[in-house]
Amino acid sequence: MTFQEFLVRVGNSFNHHAVTTVLTIAILFVLFYFTISTLSKNNAKWVIIVFIVYVLSTGIIFMVADISGWDYFIVPLLFIVAVCSMFATEIKRDIWNWTNKKSSEVKHVDKGFTSGGNANETIDEIVKALQNMSKNDVGAIIILANGNLPKSVIESGVSMDATISAALIESVFFPKTPLHDGAMIINGTRVQAAGCFLPLSQEYNHPKDLGTRHRAGIGITETVNVTSIIVSEETGIISIAQGGKIKRYADSEMLRQTLKEYYWQEFLDQKNS
């Protein structure tokens, strides 16, 4: 039985051939919408073009040829496998976020500033600490979270709930201190935890000179929508990881831009106040 015949039978069961057309359009529209939406969200503009060409070409083939059985699934299956391969990181991150949504330590993060504080002061403290650690070759991982980290990550370290300051950040990562090997979790205006263990990246296309600290910083961004800032203990190079990708040799301007994007709501509120 062909796909068209199946839809015709469904339509005949309602004694109206128009149902077949409506059902076909509805199914194709839903599949098309969600596929385009997913690809667009991941900035896959050229894949969107390929997908549109694929839909149009296979649609023409199905209309002019008598295709039935597994022939309907072979080409779509190959296309799905190709898309999953290209967007493995995004798919893995979405699955991780979905399965860990109920186990998140903090559901909603309040990044509001109080007691006269402001976003620029907080950014200055973080950048100052990063640059000092870079000069002294002190290794560090700082995670800019949004309340979306699973409890397993948070509870692997030590809860702090402390005000952000350069002195605090540098003291946590000072060599041979109990927490210096783990990651610091920043949630809004507070240091939520330190000494946390992160999942390592499973990708093999990263530079070979990246060690465990960098693989951990990249790995958490592959599964959770957060930003990692890593300082190399060997070279002092500062790197920024987002979405499973890493940018090395981050200077003060790049760090400030990344932090401004994290605290964008605070800058908007201060501008409107």
C-alpha atoms as a PDB file:
ATOM      1  CA  MET A   1       0.000   0.000   0.000  1.00  0.00           C
ATOM      2  CA  THR A   2       1.373   3.412  -0.948  1.00  0.00           C
ATOM      3  CA  PHE A   3       1.245   6.437   1.345  1.00  0.00           C
ATOM      4  CA  GLN A   4      -1.337   8.068  -0.914  1.00  0.00           C
ATOM      5  CA  GLU A   5      -3.516   4.960  -0.779  1.00  0.00           C
ATOM      6  CA  PHE A   6      -3.317   4.978   3.005  1.00  0.00           C
ATOM      7  CA  LEU A   7      -4.495   8.573   3.149  1.00  0.00           C
ATOM      8  CA  VAL A   8      -7.257   7.822   0.629  1.00  0.00           C
ATOM      9  CA  ARG A   9      -8.523   5.010   2.849  1.00  0.00           C
ATOM     10  CA  VAL A  10      -8.525   7.334   5.835  1.00  0.00           C
ATOM     11  CA  GLY A  11     -10.408   9.881   3.793  1.00  0.00           C
ATOM     12  CA  ASN A  12     -12.910   7.313   2.564  1.00  0.00           C
ATOM     13  CA  SER A  13     -13.592   6.261   6.127  1.00  0.00           C
ATOM     14  CA  PHE A  14     -15.014   9.742   6.593  1.00  0.00           C
ATOM     15  CA  ASN A  15     -16.798   9.468   3.248  1.00  0.00           C
ATOM     16  CA  HIS A  16     -15.138  12.622   2.015  1.00  0.00           C
ATOM     17  CA  HIS A  17     -12.111  12.753  -0.307  1.00  0.00           C
ATOM     18  CA  ALA A  18     -11.210  16.250   0.891  1.00  0.00           C
ATOM     19  CA  VAL A  19     -10.034  14.757   4.190  1.00  0.00           C
ATOM     20  CA  THR A  20      -7.148  13.110   2.334  1.00  0.00           C
ATOM     21  CA  THR A  21      -5.865  16.424   1.073  1.00  0.00           C
ATOM     22  CA  VAL A  22      -6.315  18.170   4.422  1.00  0.00           C
ATOM     23  CA  LEU A  23      -4.581  15.355   6.308  1.00  0.00           C
ATOM     24  CA  THR A  24      -1.657  15.324   3.881  1.00  0.00           C
ATOM     25  CA  ILE A  25      -1.172  19.063   4.121  1.00  0.00           C
ATOM     26  CA  ALA A  26      -1.426  19.009   7.915  1.00  0.00           C
ATOM     27  CA  ILE A  27       1.174  16.246   8.330  1.00  0.00           C
ATOM     28  CA  LEU A  28       3.613  17.845   5.907  1.00  0.00           C
ATOM     29  CA  PHE A  29       3.127  21.288   7.439  1.00  0.00           C
ATOM     30  CA  VAL A  30       3.862  20.055  10.984  1.00  0.00           C
ATOM     31  CA  LEU A  31       6.978  18.140   9.916  1.00  0.00           C
ATOM     32  CA  PHE A  32       8.192  21.005   7.760  1.00  0.00           C
ATOM     33  CA  TYR A  33       7.609  23.633  10.476  1.00  0.00           C
ATOM     34  CA  PHE A  34       9.407  21.807  13.272  1.00  0.00           C
ATOM     35  CA  THR A  35      12.348  20.847  11.069  1.00  0.00           C
ATOM     36  CA  ILE A  36      12.837  24.395   9.776  1.00  0.00           C
ATOM     37  CA  SER A  37      12.427  25.768  13.320  1.00  0.00           C
ATOM     38  CA  THR A  38      15.093  23.444  14.721  1.00  0.00           C
ATOM     39  CA  LEU A  39      17.560  24.136  11.939  1.00  0.00           C
ATOM     40  CA  SER A  40      16.971  27.888  12.119  1.00  0.00           C
ATOM     41  CA  LYS A  41      17.506  27.895  15.900  1.00  0.00           C
ATOM     42  CA  ASN A  42      20.921  26.348  15.316  1.00  0.00           C
ATOM     43  CA  ASN A  43      21.873  28.820  12.552  1.00  0.00           C
ATOM     44  CA  ALA A  44      21.863  26.069   9.920  1.00  0.00           C
ATOM     45  CA  LYS A  45      20.823  28.253   7.028  1.00  0.00           C
ATOM     46  CA  TRP A  46      22.482  26.136   4.347  1.00  0.00           C
ATOM     47  CA  VAL A  47      20.920  22.977   5.788  1.00  0.00           C
ATOM     48  CA  ILE A  48      17.526  24.686   5.594  1.00  0.00           C
ATOM     49  CA  ILE A  49      18.079  25.215   1.871  1.00  0.00           C
ATOM     50  CA  VAL A  50      19.070  21.565   1.452  1.00  0.00           C
ATOM     51  CA  PHE A  51      15.992  20.485   3.395  1.00  0.00           C
ATOM     52  CA  ILE A  52      13.655  22.598   1.258  1.00  0.00           C
ATOM     53  CA  VAL A  53      15.195  21.192  -1.926  1.00  0.00           C
ATOM     54  CA  TYR A  54      14.852  17.697  -0.462  1.00  0.00           C
ATOM     55  CA  VAL A  55      11.164  18.160   0.388  1.00  0.00           C
ATOM     56  CA  LEU A  56      10.342  19.577  -3.024  1.00  0.00           C
ATOM     57  CA  SER A  57      12.261  16.931  -4.967  1.00  0.00           C
ATOM     58  CA  THR A  58      10.933  13.957  -3.006  1.00  0.00           C
ATOM     59  CA  GLY A  59       7.423  15.402  -3.168  1.00  0.00           C
ATOM     60  CA  ILE A  60       7.625  15.551  -6.957  1.00  0.00           C
ATOM     61  CA  ILE A  61       9.011  12.010  -7.103  1.00  0.00           C
ATOM     62  CA  PHE A  62       6.229  10.675  -4.886  1.00  0.00           C
ATOM     63  CA  MET A  63       3.589  12.332  -7.059  1.00  0.00           C
ATOM     64  CA  VAL A  64       4.869  11.070 -10.401  1.00  0.00           C
ATOM     65  CA  ALA A  65       6.126   7.623  -9.354  1.00  0.00           C
ATOM     66  CA  ASP A  66       4.455   4.643  -7.765  1.00  0.00           C
ATOM     67  CA  ILE A  67       6.527   4.410  -4.599  1.00  0.00           C
ATOM     68  CA  SER A  68       5.480   2.116  -1.806  1.00  0.00           C
ATOM     69  CA  GLY A  69       6.723   0.198   1.220  1.00  0.00           C
ATOM     70  CA  TRP A  70      10.211   0.907   2.568  1.00  0.00           C
ATOM     71  CA  ASP A  71      10.983   3.246  -0.334  1.00  0.00           C
ATOM     72  CA  TYR A  72       9.155   5.923   1.643  1.00  0.00           C
ATOM     73  CA  PHE A  73      11.576   5.653   4.542  1.00  0.00           C
ATOM     74  CA  ILE A  74      15.027   5.092   3.004  1.00  0.00           C
ATOM     75  CA  VAL A  75      15.669   8.628   1.736  1.00  0.00           C
ATOM     76  CA  PRO A  76      14.080  10.386   4.751  1.00  0.00           C
ATOM     77  CA  LEU A  77      16.053   8.096   7.071  1.00  0.00           C
ATOM     78  CA  LEU A  78      19.337   9.016   5.371  1.00  0.00           C
ATOM     79  CA  PHE A  79      18.460  12.703   5.620  1.00  0.00           C
ATOM     80  CA  ILE A  80      17.596  12.392   9.324  1.00  0.00           C
ATOM     81  CA  VAL A  81      20.871  10.565  10.020  1.00  0.00           C
ATOM     82  CA  ALA A  82      22.815  13.322   8.245  1.00  0.00           C
ATOM     83  CA  VAL A  83      21.071  16.081  10.223  1.00  0.00           C
ATOM     84  CA  CYS A  84      21.593  14.227  13.526  1.00  0.00           C
ATOM     85  CA  SER A  85      25.287  13.831  12.727  1.00  0.00           C
ATOM     86  CA  MET A  86      25.738  17.515  11.961  1.00  0.00           C
ATOM     87  CA  PHE A  87      23.770  18.665  15.007  1.00  0.00           C
ATOM     88  CA  ALA A  88      24.819  15.992  17.489  1.00  0.00           C
ATOM     89  CA  THR A  89      25.909  18.607  20.044  1.00  0.00           C
ATOM     90  CA  GLU A  90      22.641  20.549  19.876  1.00  0.00           C
ATOM     91  CA  ILE A  91      20.548  17.381  20.045  1.00  0.00           C
ATOM     92  CA  LYS A  92      22.534  16.061  23.008  1.00  0.00           C
ATOM     93  CA  ARG A  93      22.190  19.393  24.811  1.00  0.00           C
ATOM     94  CA  ASP A  94      18.427  19.525  24.235  1.00  0.00           C
ATOM     95  CA  ILE A  95      17.990  15.954  25.485  1.00  0.00           C
ATOM     96  CA  TRP A  96      20.138  16.699  28.558  1.00  0.00           C
ATOM     97  CA  ASN A  97      18.133  19.835  29.352  1.00  0.00           C
ATOM     98  CA  TRP A  98      14.843  17.993  28.922  1.00  0.00           C
ATOM     99  CA  THR A  99      15.770  15.011  31.090  1.00  0.00           C
ATOM    100  CA  ASN A 100      17.321  17.166  33.813  1.00  0.00           C
ATOM    101  CA  LYS A 101      14.745  19.937  33.888  1.00  0.00           C
ATOM    102  CA  LYS A 102      13.143  18.631  37.071  1.00  0.00           C
ATOM    103  CA  SER A 103      16.457  18.086  38.830  1.00  0.00           C
ATOM    104  CA  SER A 104      17.787  21.614  38.316  1.00  0.00           C
ATOM    105  CA  GLU A 105      19.139  23.208  41.469  1.00  0.00           C
ATOM    106  CA  VAL A 106      17.567  26.589  40.705  1.00  0.00           C
ATOM    107  CA  LYS A 107      14.566  26.969  38.423  1.00  0.00           C
ATOM    108  CA  HIS A 108      14.737  30.719  37.893  1.00  0.00           C
ATOM    109  CA  VAL A 109      17.805  32.866  38.373  1.00  0.00           C
ATOM    110  CA  ASP A 110      17.375  36.356  39.741  1.00  0.00           C
ATOM    111  CA  LYS A 111      20.288  38.367  38.408  1.00  0.00           C
ATOM    112  CA  GLY A 112      19.004  41.576  39.947  1.00  0.00           C
ATOM    113  CA  PHE A 113      21.590  43.795  41.595  1.00  0.00           C
ATOM    114  CA  THR A 114      21.017  45.202  45.069  1.00  0.00           C
ATOM    115  CA  SER A 115      22.876  47.276  47.661  1.00  0.00           C
ATOM    116  CA  GLY A 116      24.150  49.735  45.087  1.00  0.00           C
ATOM    117  CA  GLY A 117      25.846  47.095  42.979  1.00  0.00           C
ATOM    118  CA  ASN A 118      25.728  47.088  39.197  1.00  0.00           C
ATOM    119  CA  ALA A 119      26.625  44.839  36.289  1.00  0.00           C
ATOM    120  CA  ASN A 120      29.789  46.721  35.368  1.00  0.00           C
ATOM    121  CA  GLU A 121      31.246  46.325  38.860  1.00  0.00           C
ATOM    122  CA  THR A 122      30.579  42.595  38.825  1.00  0.00           C
ATOM    123  CA  ILE A 123      32.118  42.241  35.360  1.00  0.00           C
ATOM    124  CA  ASP A 124      35.171  44.223  36.499  1.00  0.00           C
ATOM    125  CA  GLU A 125      35.693  41.831  39.418  1.00  0.00           C
ATOM    126  CA  ILE A 126      35.435  38.721  37.239  1.00  0.00           C
ATOM    127  CA  VAL A 127      37.719  40.095  34.515  1.00  0.00           C
ATOM    128  CA  LYS A 128      40.261  41.260  37.111  1.00  0.00           C
ATOM    129  CA  ALA A 129      40.383  37.791  38.662  1.00  0.00           C
ATOM    130  CA  LEU A 130      40.732  36.086  35.270  1.00  0.00           C
ATOM    131  CA  GLN A 131      43.551  38.354  34.151  1.00  0.00           C
ATOM    132  CA  ASN A 132      45.424  37.959  37.452  1.00  0.00           C
ATOM    133  CA  MET A 133      45.141  34.164  37.261  1.00  0.00           C
ATOM    134  CA  SER A 134      46.244  34.268  33.617  1.00  0.00           C
ATOM    135  CA  LYS A 135      49.377  36.262  34.490  1.00  0.00           C
ATOM    136  CA  ASN A 136      50.261  33.833  37.282  1.00  0.00           C
ATOM    137  CA  ASP A 137      49.415  30.663  35.298  1.00  0.00           C
ATOM    138  CA  VAL A 138      46.688  29.651  37.739  1.00  0.00           C
ATOM    139  CA  GLY A 139      44.227  27.164  36.224  1.00  0.00           C
ATOM    140  CA  ALA A 140      40.513  27.884  36.565  1.00  0.00           C
ATOM    141  CA  ILE A 141      37.057  27.071  35.221  1.00  0.00           C
ATOM    142  CA  ILE A 142      34.163  29.471  35.746  1.00  0.00           C
ATOM    143  CA  ILE A 143      30.656  28.502  34.614  1.00  0.00           C
ATOM    144  CA  LEU A 144      28.134  31.250  33.869  1.00  0.00           C
ATOM    145  CA  ALA A 145      24.932  29.367  34.603  1.00  0.00           C
ATOM    146  CA  ASN A 146      21.257  30.215  34.265  1.00  0.00           C
ATOM    147  CA  GLY A 147      19.796  27.986  36.949  1.00  0.00           C
ATOM    148  CA  ASN A 148      19.806  25.088  34.496  1.00  0.00           C
ATOM    149  CA  LEU A 149      22.622  22.930  35.875  1.00  0.00           C
ATOM    150  CA  PRO A 150      21.520  19.547  37.227  1.00  0.00           C
ATOM    151  CA  LYS A 151      21.831  18.906  40.969  1.00  0.00           C
ATOM    152  CA  SER A 152      24.458  16.247  40.307  1.00  0.00           C
ATOM    153  CA  VAL A 153      26.860  18.961  39.105  1.00  0.00           C
ATOM    154  CA  ILE A 154      26.043  21.445  41.868  1.00  0.00           C
ATOM    155  CA  GLU A 155      26.244  18.851  44.641  1.00  0.00           C
ATOM    156  CA  SER A 156      29.597  17.529  43.404  1.00  0.00           C
ATOM    157  CA  GLY A 157      31.177  20.715  44.795  1.00  0.00           C
ATOM    158  CA  VAL A 158      30.813  22.913  47.862  1.00  0.00           C
ATOM    159  CA  SER A 159      27.860  25.286  48.169  1.00  0.00           C
ATOM    160  CA  MET A 160      28.961  28.897  48.726  1.00  0.00           C
ATOM    161  CA  ASP A 161      26.218  31.459  47.936  1.00  0.00           C
ATOM    162  CA  ALA A 162      28.781  34.272  48.146  1.00  0.00           C
ATOM    163  CA  THR A 163      29.057  37.715  46.604  1.00  0.00           C
ATOM    164  CA  ILE A 164      31.247  37.826  43.490  1.00  0.00           C
ATOM    165  CA  SER A 165      34.666  39.412  44.032  1.00  0.00           C
ATOM    166  CA  ALA A 166      38.090  39.074  42.456  1.00  0.00           C
ATOM    167  CA  ALA A 167      39.611  38.130  45.824  1.00  0.00           C
ATOM    168  CA  LEU A 168      37.142  35.295  46.335  1.00  0.00           C
ATOM    169  CA  ILE A 169      37.602  33.893  42.821  1.00  0.00           C
ATOM    170  CA  GLU A 170      41.397  33.973  43.068  1.00  0.00           C
ATOM    171  CA  SER A 171      41.415  32.391  46.528  1.00  0.00           C
ATOM    172  CA  VAL A 172      39.238  29.492  45.360  1.00  0.00           C
ATOM    173  CA  PHE A 173      41.583  28.673  42.472  1.00  0.00           C
ATOM    174  CA  PHE A 174      44.820  29.274  44.365  1.00  0.00           C
ATOM    175  CA  PRO A 175      47.024  26.198  43.785  1.00  0.00           C
ATOM    176  CA  LYS A 176      46.787  23.360  46.311  1.00  0.00           C
ATOM    177  CA  THR A 177      43.610  24.681  47.920  1.00  0.00           C
ATOM    178  CA  PRO A 178      40.846  22.049  48.294  1.00  0.00           C
ATOM    179  CA  LEU A 179      38.602  23.522  45.569  1.00  0.00           C
ATOM    180  CA  HIS A 180      41.107  24.660  42.950  1.00  0.00           C
ATOM    181  CA  ASP A 181      40.724  21.648  40.626  1.00  0.00           C
ATOM    182  CA  GLY A 182      36.946  21.931  40.248  1.00  0.00           C
ATOM    183  CA  ALA A 183      34.686  24.442  38.534  1.00  0.00           C
ATOM    184  CA  MET A 184      33.168  27.572  40.050  1.00  0.00           C
ATOM    185  CA  ILE A 185      29.476  28.074  39.321  1.00  0.00           C
ATOM    186  CA  ILE A 186      28.288  31.664  39.010  1.00  0.00           C
ATOM    187  CA  ASN A 187      24.533  32.140  39.084  1.00  0.00           C
ATOM    188  CA  GLY A 188      23.639  35.748  38.470  1.00  0.00           C
ATOM    189  CA  THR A 189      25.222  37.936  41.147  1.00  0.00           C
ATOM    190  CA  ARG A 190      26.336  35.064  43.375  1.00  0.00           C
ATOM    191  CA  VAL A 191      29.002  32.394  43.434  1.00  0.00           C
ATOM    192  CA  GLN A 192      26.715  29.408  43.877  1.00  0.00           C
ATOM    193  CA  ALA A 193      29.293  26.643  44.315  1.00  0.00           C
ATOM    194  CA  ALA A 194      32.943  25.757  43.770  1.00  0.00           C
ATOM    195  CA  GLY A 195      34.985  22.607  43.311  1.00  0.00           C
ATOM    196  CA  CYS A 196      32.315  21.108  41.040  1.00  0.00           C
ATOM    197  CA  PHE A 197      33.035  18.229  38.664  1.00  0.00           C
ATOM    198  CA  LEU A 198      31.934  18.526  35.051  1.00  0.00           C
ATOM    199  CA  PRO A 199      31.346  15.972  32.273  1.00  0.00           C
ATOM    200  CA  LEU A 200      34.251  15.753  29.844  1.00  0.00           C
ATOM    201  CA  SER A 201      33.820  16.481  26.152  1.00  0.00           C
ATOM    202  CA  GLN A 202      33.496  13.361  24.002  1.00  0.00           C
ATOM    203  CA  GLU A 203      34.505  15.162  20.829  1.00  0.00           C
ATOM    204  CA  TYR A 204      37.899  14.404  19.285  1.00  0.00           C
ATOM    205  CA  ASN A 205      38.324  17.365  16.946  1.00  0.00           C
ATOM    206  CA  HIS A 206      39.586  19.778  19.598  1.00  0.00           C
ATOM    207  CA  PRO A 207      43.262  20.871  19.627  1.00  0.00           C
ATOM    208  CA  LYS A 208      45.489  18.157  21.078  1.00  0.00           C
ATOM    209  CA  ASP A 209      47.131  20.511  23.560  1.00  0.00           C
ATOM    210  CA  LEU A 210      43.847  20.984  25.454  1.00  0.00           C
ATOM    211  CA  GLY A 211      43.900  19.104  28.752  1.00  0.00           C
ATOM    212  CA  THR A 212      41.275  17.779  31.147  1.00  0.00           C
ATOM    213  CA  ARG A 213      40.311  21.247  32.403  1.00  0.00           C
ATOM    214  CA  HIS A 214      39.477  22.408  28.872  1.00  0.00           C
ATOM    215  CA  ARG A 215      37.652  19.178  28.013  1.00  0.00           C
ATOM    216  CA  ALA A 216      35.523  19.655  31.127  1.00  0.00           C
ATOM    217  CA  GLY A 217      34.833  23.291  30.267  1.00  0.00           C
ATOM    218  CA  ILE A 218      33.772  22.318  26.756  1.00  0.00           C
ATOM    219  CA  GLY A 219      31.892  19.204  27.854  1.00  0.00           C
ATOM    220  CA  ILE A 220      29.401  21.004  30.086  1.00  0.00           C
ATOM    221  CA  THR A 221      28.493  23.367  27.233  1.00  0.00           C
ATOM    222  CA  GLU A 222      27.768  20.375  24.982  1.00  0.00           C
ATOM    223  CA  THR A 223      24.961  19.244  27.273  1.00  0.00           C
ATOM    224  CA  VAL A 224      23.791  22.405  29.067  1.00  0.00           C
ATOM    225  CA  ASN A 225      23.204  25.908  27.725  1.00  0.00           C
ATOM    226  CA  VAL A 226      25.903  27.646  29.780  1.00  0.00           C
ATOM    227  CA  THR A 227      29.161  29.494  29.131  1.00  0.00           C
ATOM    228  CA  SER A 228      32.545  28.270  30.403  1.00  0.00           C
ATOM    229  CA  ILE A 229      35.572  30.490  30.922  1.00  0.00           C
ATOM    230  CA  ILE A 230      38.793  28.491  31.247  1.00  0.00           C
ATOM    231  CA  VAL A 231      42.265  29.631  32.290  1.00  0.00           C
ATOM    232  CA  SER A 232      45.109  27.319  31.310  1.00  0.00           C
ATOM    233  CA  GLU A 233      47.470  26.359  34.127  1.00  0.00           C
ATOM    234  CA  GLU A 234      50.293  25.642  31.653  1.00  0.00           C
ATOM    235  CA  THR A 235      50.105  28.721  29.412  1.00  0.00           C
ATOM    236  CA  GLY A 236      47.798  31.191  31.152  1.00  0.00           C
ATOM    237  CA  ILE A 237      45.691  31.407  27.983  1.00  0.00           C
ATOM    238  CA  ILE A 238      42.048  32.295  28.643  1.00  0.00           C
ATOM    239  CA  SER A 239      39.422  30.440  26.591  1.00  0.00           C
ATOM    240  CA  ILE A 240      35.653  30.732  26.276  1.00  0.00           C
ATOM    241  CA  ALA A 241      33.466  27.696  25.535  1.00  0.00           C
ATOM    242  CA  GLN A 242      29.872  27.914  24.301  1.00  0.00           C
ATOM    243  CA  GLY A 243      27.721  25.302  22.606  1.00  0.00           C
ATOM    244  CA  GLY A 244      30.543  22.756  22.501  1.00  0.00           C
ATOM    245  CA  LYS A 245      32.879  25.206  20.702  1.00  0.00           C
ATOM    246  CA  ILE A 246      35.914  26.903  22.212  1.00  0.00           C
ATOM    247  CA  LYS A 247      37.499  30.283  21.470  1.00  0.00           C
ATOM    248  CA  ARG A 248      41.057  30.679  22.703  1.00  0.00           C
ATOM    249  CA  TYR A 249      43.210  33.711  23.489  1.00  0.00           C
ATOM    250  CA  ALA A 250      40.332  35.697  24.970  1.00  0.00           C
ATOM    251  CA  ASP A 251      41.394  39.230  25.831  1.00  0.00           C
ATOM    252  CA  SER A 252      39.700  41.678  28.199  1.00  0.00           C
ATOM    253  CA  GLU A 253      37.401  42.973  25.443  1.00  0.00           C
ATOM    254  CA  MET A 254      36.196  39.480  24.558  1.00  0.00           C
ATOM    255  CA  LEU A 255      35.686  38.624  28.227  1.00  0.00           C
ATOM    256  CA  ARG A 256      33.689  41.790  28.838  1.00  0.00           C
ATOM    257  CA  GLN A 257      31.526  41.153  25.769  1.00  0.00           C
ATOM    258  CA  THR A 258      30.794  37.602  26.941  1.00  0.00           C
ATOM    259  CA  LEU A 259      29.903  38.816  30.436  1.00  0.00           C
ATOM    260  CA  LYS A 260      27.748  41.630  29.048  1.00  0.00           C
ATOM    261  CA  GLU A 261      25.798  39.065  27.064  1.00  0.00           C
ATOM    262  CA  TYR A 262      25.327  37.081  30.282  1.00  0.00           C
ATOM    263  CA  TYR A 263      24.175  40.162  32.216  1.00  0.00           C
ATOM    264  CA  TRP A 264      22.250  41.698  29.323  1.00  0.00           C
ATOM    265  CA  GLN A 265      19.037  41.984  31.356  1.00  0.00           C
ATOM    266  CA  GLU A 266      20.784  44.025  34.044  1.00  0.00           C
ATOM    267  CA  PHE A 267      22.129  46.506  31.489  1.00  0.00           C
ATOM    268  CA  LEU A 268      18.641  46.814  30.024  1.00  0.00           C
ATOM    269  CA  ASP A 269      17.081  47.422  33.454  1.00  0.00           C
ATOM    270  CA  GLN A 270      19.726  50.006  34.364  1.00  0.00           C
ATOM    271  CA  LYS A 271      19.189  51.794  31.046  1.00  0.00           C
ATOM    272  CA  ASN A 272      15.431  51.960  31.603  1.00  0.00           C
ATOM    273  CA  SER A 273      15.695  53.032  35.241  1.00  0.00           C
END
